[in-house]
Amino acid sequence: MSSKKAQEWSYSSHRESIGKALSSPGIRPNKKAHINCGSSVRMTGNMCANVDHIRRQGRWNNTTINGAYLTNLSRKLVQSMVGFPTYGRFFYLARAALNPPTSLCKKFFPSIGE
């Protein structure tokens, strides 16, 4: 067994590593160290988590969570705008049930059928 102790990762090292990982594909965010905060808040919101619970978990005040991390549109509003039911937790897209015409498939996959 290894007797190595966990070493704390400094803020600057964390920020630099995130910056390098994002710059490789050409992404230039202005909040490198906090880049995952917004997406994690939105993902938990999409799963119907209570905003007060999300705010408490991240130790954010209402101004911070509403101004920086949550989107301006509610999940239920967006679901209703695109025709999905607004009750319940999940909705289902029947992608596997679609059978697009071969002509369309050939535009995306030219070698199809070979």
N, C-alpha and C. Protein backbone atom coordinates (compact mmCIF):
# COMPACT_ATOMS: atom_id res chain seq x y z
N MET A 1 0.83 -1.18 0.00
CA MET A 1 0.00 0.00 0.00
C MET A 1 0.88 1.24 0.00
N SER A 2 0.41 2.23 -0.69
CA SER A 2 1.15 3.48 -0.76
C SER A 2 0.84 4.33 0.46
N SER A 3 1.86 4.99 0.97
CA SER A 3 1.66 5.84 2.14
C SER A 3 1.63 7.32 1.74
N LYS A 4 1.42 7.59 0.45
CA LYS A 4 1.38 8.97 -0.01
C LYS A 4 0.14 9.66 0.53
N LYS A 5 0.34 10.88 0.99
CA LYS A 5 -0.79 11.68 1.46
C LYS A 5 -1.36 12.46 0.29
N ALA A 6 -2.65 12.72 0.36
CA ALA A 6 -3.28 13.55 -0.66
C ALA A 6 -2.70 14.96 -0.54
N GLN A 7 -2.41 15.54 -1.65
CA GLN A 7 -1.85 16.88 -1.66
C GLN A 7 -2.90 17.86 -2.16
N GLU A 8 -3.03 18.96 -1.47
CA GLU A 8 -4.02 19.96 -1.86
C GLU A 8 -3.60 20.59 -3.18
N TRP A 9 -4.56 20.79 -4.04
CA TRP A 9 -4.34 21.39 -5.35
C TRP A 9 -4.59 22.88 -5.22
N SER A 10 -3.62 23.68 -5.52
CA SER A 10 -3.77 25.12 -5.36
C SER A 10 -4.76 25.68 -6.37
N TYR A 11 -5.35 26.80 -6.02
CA TYR A 11 -6.32 27.47 -6.90
C TYR A 11 -5.68 27.79 -8.25
N SER A 12 -4.45 28.31 -8.21
CA SER A 12 -3.80 28.70 -9.46
C SER A 12 -3.48 27.48 -10.33
N SER A 13 -3.07 26.36 -9.72
CA SER A 13 -2.81 25.15 -10.50
C SER A 13 -4.09 24.61 -11.12
N HIS A 14 -5.17 24.63 -10.36
CA HIS A 14 -6.46 24.18 -10.86
C HIS A 14 -6.89 25.05 -12.05
N ARG A 15 -6.81 26.36 -11.87
CA ARG A 15 -7.21 27.31 -12.92
C ARG A 15 -6.36 27.12 -14.18
N GLU A 16 -5.06 26.94 -13.99
CA GLU A 16 -4.16 26.76 -15.13
C GLU A 16 -4.45 25.47 -15.88
N SER A 17 -4.72 24.39 -15.16
CA SER A 17 -5.02 23.11 -15.80
C SER A 17 -6.32 23.17 -16.59
N ILE A 18 -7.33 23.80 -16.02
CA ILE A 18 -8.61 23.96 -16.73
C ILE A 18 -8.38 24.79 -17.99
N GLY A 19 -7.60 25.88 -17.86
CA GLY A 19 -7.31 26.74 -19.01
C GLY A 19 -6.62 25.99 -20.13
N LYS A 20 -5.65 25.15 -19.80
CA LYS A 20 -4.94 24.37 -20.82
C LYS A 20 -5.88 23.37 -21.50
N ALA A 21 -6.72 22.71 -20.71
CA ALA A 21 -7.65 21.72 -21.28
C ALA A 21 -8.65 22.39 -22.22
N LEU A 22 -9.09 23.58 -21.88
CA LEU A 22 -10.08 24.27 -22.71
C LEU A 22 -9.47 24.96 -23.92
N SER A 23 -8.24 25.41 -23.79
CA SER A 23 -7.62 26.13 -24.91
C SER A 23 -7.25 25.19 -26.06
N SER A 24 -7.03 23.92 -25.76
CA SER A 24 -6.68 22.96 -26.79
C SER A 24 -7.73 22.90 -27.90
N PRO A 25 -9.04 22.78 -27.57
CA PRO A 25 -10.05 22.81 -28.64
C PRO A 25 -10.50 24.22 -29.02
N GLY A 26 -9.85 25.24 -28.45
CA GLY A 26 -10.16 26.62 -28.83
C GLY A 26 -11.24 27.29 -28.00
N ILE A 27 -11.54 26.75 -26.83
CA ILE A 27 -12.54 27.36 -25.95
C ILE A 27 -11.83 28.38 -25.07
N ARG A 28 -12.40 29.57 -25.00
CA ARG A 28 -11.79 30.66 -24.23
C ARG A 28 -12.78 31.21 -23.19
N PRO A 29 -13.00 30.48 -22.09
CA PRO A 29 -13.94 30.97 -21.08
C PRO A 29 -13.30 32.07 -20.23
N ASN A 30 -14.12 32.90 -19.62
CA ASN A 30 -13.56 33.94 -18.75
C ASN A 30 -13.58 33.52 -17.29
N LYS A 31 -14.20 32.39 -16.96
CA LYS A 31 -14.25 31.89 -15.59
C LYS A 31 -13.74 30.46 -15.56
N LYS A 32 -12.46 30.28 -15.71
CA LYS A 32 -11.90 28.94 -15.82
C LYS A 32 -12.12 28.08 -14.59
N ALA A 33 -11.86 28.61 -13.42
CA ALA A 33 -11.95 27.80 -12.20
C ALA A 33 -13.38 27.46 -11.83
N HIS A 34 -14.35 28.20 -12.34
CA HIS A 34 -15.74 27.97 -11.98
C HIS A 34 -16.59 27.49 -13.16
N ILE A 35 -15.93 26.97 -14.19
CA ILE A 35 -16.64 26.62 -15.41
C ILE A 35 -17.70 25.54 -15.20
N ASN A 36 -17.48 24.63 -14.28
CA ASN A 36 -18.45 23.54 -14.07
C ASN A 36 -19.61 23.94 -13.17
N CYS A 37 -19.51 25.06 -12.50
CA CYS A 37 -20.58 25.46 -11.57
C CYS A 37 -21.90 25.66 -12.30
N GLY A 38 -21.89 26.42 -13.37
CA GLY A 38 -23.12 26.71 -14.10
C GLY A 38 -23.78 25.46 -14.65
N SER A 39 -22.98 24.59 -15.28
CA SER A 39 -23.57 23.39 -15.87
C SER A 39 -24.10 22.45 -14.80
N SER A 40 -23.42 22.34 -13.67
CA SER A 40 -23.92 21.45 -12.61
C SER A 40 -25.21 21.99 -12.02
N VAL A 41 -25.32 23.31 -11.87
CA VAL A 41 -26.56 23.89 -11.35
C VAL A 41 -27.70 23.65 -12.33
N ARG A 42 -27.45 23.87 -13.62
CA ARG A 42 -28.50 23.66 -14.62
C ARG A 42 -28.90 22.19 -14.71
N MET A 43 -27.93 21.28 -14.61
CA MET A 43 -28.25 19.86 -14.68
C MET A 43 -29.11 19.43 -13.49
N THR A 44 -28.78 19.88 -12.29
CA THR A 44 -29.60 19.51 -11.14
C THR A 44 -30.96 20.18 -11.23
N GLY A 45 -31.02 21.38 -11.79
CA GLY A 45 -32.31 22.03 -12.01
C GLY A 45 -33.15 21.26 -13.00
N ASN A 46 -32.54 20.71 -14.04
CA ASN A 46 -33.27 19.91 -15.02
C ASN A 46 -33.83 18.63 -14.41
N MET A 47 -33.21 18.18 -13.34
CA MET A 47 -33.69 16.98 -12.66
C MET A 47 -34.71 17.33 -11.57
N CYS A 48 -35.24 18.56 -11.65
CA CYS A 48 -36.28 19.04 -10.74
C CYS A 48 -35.80 19.25 -9.31
N ALA A 49 -34.52 19.49 -9.13
CA ALA A 49 -34.03 19.79 -7.79
C ALA A 49 -34.54 21.16 -7.39
N ASN A 50 -34.83 21.32 -6.12
CA ASN A 50 -35.30 22.57 -5.58
C ASN A 50 -34.18 23.62 -5.63
N VAL A 51 -34.49 24.82 -6.12
CA VAL A 51 -33.47 25.87 -6.27
C VAL A 51 -32.86 26.22 -4.91
N ASP A 52 -33.67 26.20 -3.85
CA ASP A 52 -33.12 26.50 -2.52
C ASP A 52 -32.09 25.46 -2.10
N HIS A 53 -32.33 24.20 -2.45
CA HIS A 53 -31.37 23.14 -2.11
C HIS A 53 -30.08 23.30 -2.92
N ILE A 54 -30.23 23.63 -4.21
CA ILE A 54 -29.05 23.84 -5.05
C ILE A 54 -28.22 25.00 -4.52
N ARG A 55 -28.90 26.09 -4.19
CA ARG A 55 -28.23 27.29 -3.67
C ARG A 55 -27.49 26.97 -2.37
N ARG A 56 -28.15 26.23 -1.50
CA ARG A 56 -27.54 25.88 -0.21
C ARG A 56 -26.32 24.98 -0.41
N GLN A 57 -26.43 24.00 -1.31
CA GLN A 57 -25.31 23.08 -1.55
C GLN A 57 -24.09 23.83 -2.05
N GLY A 58 -24.30 24.80 -2.94
CA GLY A 58 -23.18 25.56 -3.47
C GLY A 58 -22.79 26.76 -2.63
N ARG A 59 -23.52 26.98 -1.55
CA ARG A 59 -23.31 28.12 -0.66
C ARG A 59 -23.36 29.44 -1.42
N TRP A 60 -24.34 29.54 -2.35
CA TRP A 60 -24.53 30.76 -3.13
C TRP A 60 -25.69 31.55 -2.57
N ASN A 61 -25.61 32.87 -2.67
CA ASN A 61 -26.78 33.68 -2.32
C ASN A 61 -27.69 33.75 -3.54
N ASN A 62 -28.88 34.30 -3.38
CA ASN A 62 -29.84 34.34 -4.48
C ASN A 62 -29.31 35.13 -5.67
N THR A 63 -28.61 36.21 -5.42
CA THR A 63 -28.08 37.04 -6.51
C THR A 63 -27.08 36.24 -7.34
N THR A 64 -26.19 35.52 -6.68
CA THR A 64 -25.16 34.76 -7.39
C THR A 64 -25.76 33.63 -8.21
N ILE A 65 -26.62 32.83 -7.59
CA ILE A 65 -27.16 31.67 -8.32
C ILE A 65 -28.06 32.13 -9.47
N ASN A 66 -28.85 33.17 -9.27
CA ASN A 66 -29.74 33.63 -10.33
C ASN A 66 -28.98 34.39 -11.42
N GLY A 67 -27.98 35.16 -11.05
CA GLY A 67 -27.27 35.96 -12.03
C GLY A 67 -26.17 35.24 -12.78
N ALA A 68 -25.56 34.25 -12.14
CA ALA A 68 -24.39 33.62 -12.76
C ALA A 68 -24.60 32.18 -13.19
N TYR A 69 -25.46 31.45 -12.51
CA TYR A 69 -25.51 30.02 -12.76
C TYR A 69 -26.81 29.49 -13.36
N LEU A 70 -27.93 30.05 -13.00
CA LEU A 70 -29.20 29.58 -13.56
C LEU A 70 -29.47 30.27 -14.88
N THR A 71 -30.18 29.60 -15.77
CA THR A 71 -30.57 30.25 -17.02
C THR A 71 -31.76 31.15 -16.74
N ASN A 72 -32.04 32.04 -17.66
CA ASN A 72 -33.16 32.96 -17.49
C ASN A 72 -34.51 32.29 -17.70
N LEU A 73 -34.52 31.15 -18.36
CA LEU A 73 -35.78 30.46 -18.64
C LEU A 73 -35.92 29.23 -17.74
N SER A 74 -37.12 29.03 -17.23
CA SER A 74 -37.33 27.86 -16.39
C SER A 74 -37.45 26.61 -17.26
N ARG A 75 -37.14 25.48 -16.68
CA ARG A 75 -37.22 24.20 -17.38
C ARG A 75 -38.65 23.94 -17.83
N LYS A 76 -39.63 24.20 -16.97
CA LYS A 76 -41.03 23.95 -17.33
C LYS A 76 -41.47 24.85 -18.48
N LEU A 77 -41.01 26.08 -18.49
CA LEU A 77 -41.37 26.98 -19.58
C LEU A 77 -40.82 26.46 -20.91
N VAL A 78 -39.56 26.07 -20.93
CA VAL A 78 -38.94 25.57 -22.16
C VAL A 78 -39.62 24.29 -22.61
N GLN A 79 -39.90 23.38 -21.68
CA GLN A 79 -40.59 22.13 -22.04
C GLN A 79 -41.95 22.42 -22.66
N SER A 80 -42.70 23.35 -22.07
CA SER A 80 -44.02 23.64 -22.61
C SER A 80 -43.92 24.32 -23.98
N MET A 81 -42.89 25.14 -24.19
CA MET A 81 -42.72 25.82 -25.47
C MET A 81 -42.46 24.85 -26.61
N VAL A 82 -41.79 23.73 -26.34
CA VAL A 82 -41.48 22.77 -27.39
C VAL A 82 -42.46 21.60 -27.43
N GLY A 83 -43.50 21.67 -26.60
CA GLY A 83 -44.57 20.68 -26.68
C GLY A 83 -44.44 19.48 -25.77
N PHE A 84 -43.53 19.50 -24.80
CA PHE A 84 -43.42 18.40 -23.86
C PHE A 84 -44.31 18.66 -22.65
N PRO A 85 -44.75 17.61 -21.99
CA PRO A 85 -45.56 17.82 -20.78
C PRO A 85 -44.72 18.47 -19.68
N THR A 86 -45.35 19.29 -18.86
CA THR A 86 -44.62 19.98 -17.79
C THR A 86 -44.78 19.29 -16.45
N TYR A 87 -45.46 18.18 -16.40
CA TYR A 87 -45.62 17.43 -15.17
C TYR A 87 -44.64 16.26 -15.18
N GLY A 88 -44.30 15.75 -14.03
CA GLY A 88 -43.38 14.62 -13.95
C GLY A 88 -41.94 15.06 -14.11
N ARG A 89 -41.03 14.13 -14.01
CA ARG A 89 -39.61 14.45 -14.02
C ARG A 89 -38.97 14.30 -15.39
N PHE A 90 -39.42 13.34 -16.19
CA PHE A 90 -38.70 13.02 -17.41
C PHE A 90 -39.61 13.07 -18.62
N PHE A 91 -39.03 13.20 -19.76
CA PHE A 91 -39.75 13.07 -21.01
C PHE A 91 -38.94 12.16 -21.91
N TYR A 92 -39.57 11.63 -22.92
CA TYR A 92 -38.93 10.62 -23.76
C TYR A 92 -38.92 11.08 -25.21
N LEU A 93 -37.77 11.00 -25.84
CA LEU A 93 -37.65 11.26 -27.27
C LEU A 93 -37.51 9.92 -27.97
N ALA A 94 -38.41 9.62 -28.86
CA ALA A 94 -38.43 8.32 -29.54
C ALA A 94 -37.50 8.34 -30.75
N ARG A 95 -36.23 8.63 -30.53
CA ARG A 95 -35.27 8.70 -31.64
C ARG A 95 -35.13 7.36 -32.36
N ALA A 96 -35.10 6.28 -31.59
CA ALA A 96 -34.91 4.96 -32.19
C ALA A 96 -36.10 4.55 -33.03
N ALA A 97 -37.26 5.17 -32.82
CA ALA A 97 -38.46 4.81 -33.57
C ALA A 97 -38.49 5.49 -34.94
N LEU A 98 -37.64 6.46 -35.17
CA LEU A 98 -37.61 7.16 -36.44
C LEU A 98 -36.83 6.36 -37.47
N ASN A 99 -37.33 6.37 -38.69
CA ASN A 99 -36.65 5.68 -39.77
C ASN A 99 -36.47 6.68 -40.91
N PRO A 100 -35.38 7.46 -40.89
CA PRO A 100 -35.19 8.49 -41.91
C PRO A 100 -34.97 7.87 -43.28
N PRO A 101 -35.34 8.59 -44.33
CA PRO A 101 -35.15 8.05 -45.68
C PRO A 101 -33.66 7.86 -45.99
N THR A 102 -33.38 6.88 -46.82
CA THR A 102 -31.99 6.57 -47.19
C THR A 102 -31.30 7.77 -47.82
N SER A 103 -32.03 8.58 -48.58
CA SER A 103 -31.43 9.76 -49.22
C SER A 103 -30.87 10.73 -48.17
N LEU A 104 -31.57 10.89 -47.05
CA LEU A 104 -31.09 11.75 -45.98
C LEU A 104 -29.89 11.11 -45.29
N CYS A 105 -29.95 9.82 -45.03
CA CYS A 105 -28.83 9.11 -44.39
C CYS A 105 -27.57 9.22 -45.24
N LYS A 106 -27.70 9.14 -46.56
CA LYS A 106 -26.53 9.22 -47.44
C LYS A 106 -25.86 10.59 -47.39
N LYS A 107 -26.62 11.63 -47.06
CA LYS A 107 -26.03 12.96 -46.93
C LYS A 107 -25.09 13.02 -45.73
N PHE A 108 -25.43 12.32 -44.66
CA PHE A 108 -24.61 12.30 -43.46
C PHE A 108 -23.57 11.20 -43.49
N PHE A 109 -23.92 10.08 -44.10
CA PHE A 109 -23.04 8.91 -44.15
C PHE A 109 -22.93 8.46 -45.61
N PRO A 110 -22.08 9.10 -46.40
CA PRO A 110 -22.01 8.82 -47.83
C PRO A 110 -21.71 7.35 -48.17
N SER A 111 -21.05 6.63 -47.31
CA SER A 111 -20.68 5.25 -47.60
C SER A 111 -21.74 4.24 -47.18
N ILE A 112 -22.89 4.73 -46.74
CA ILE A 112 -23.94 3.83 -46.27
C ILE A 112 -24.39 2.90 -47.40
N GLY A 113 -24.59 1.66 -47.06
CA GLY A 113 -25.05 0.69 -48.04
C GLY A 113 -23.92 0.01 -48.78
N GLU A 114 -22.69 0.41 -48.54
CA GLU A 114 -21.55 -0.22 -49.23
C GLU A 114 -21.04 -1.42 -48.45
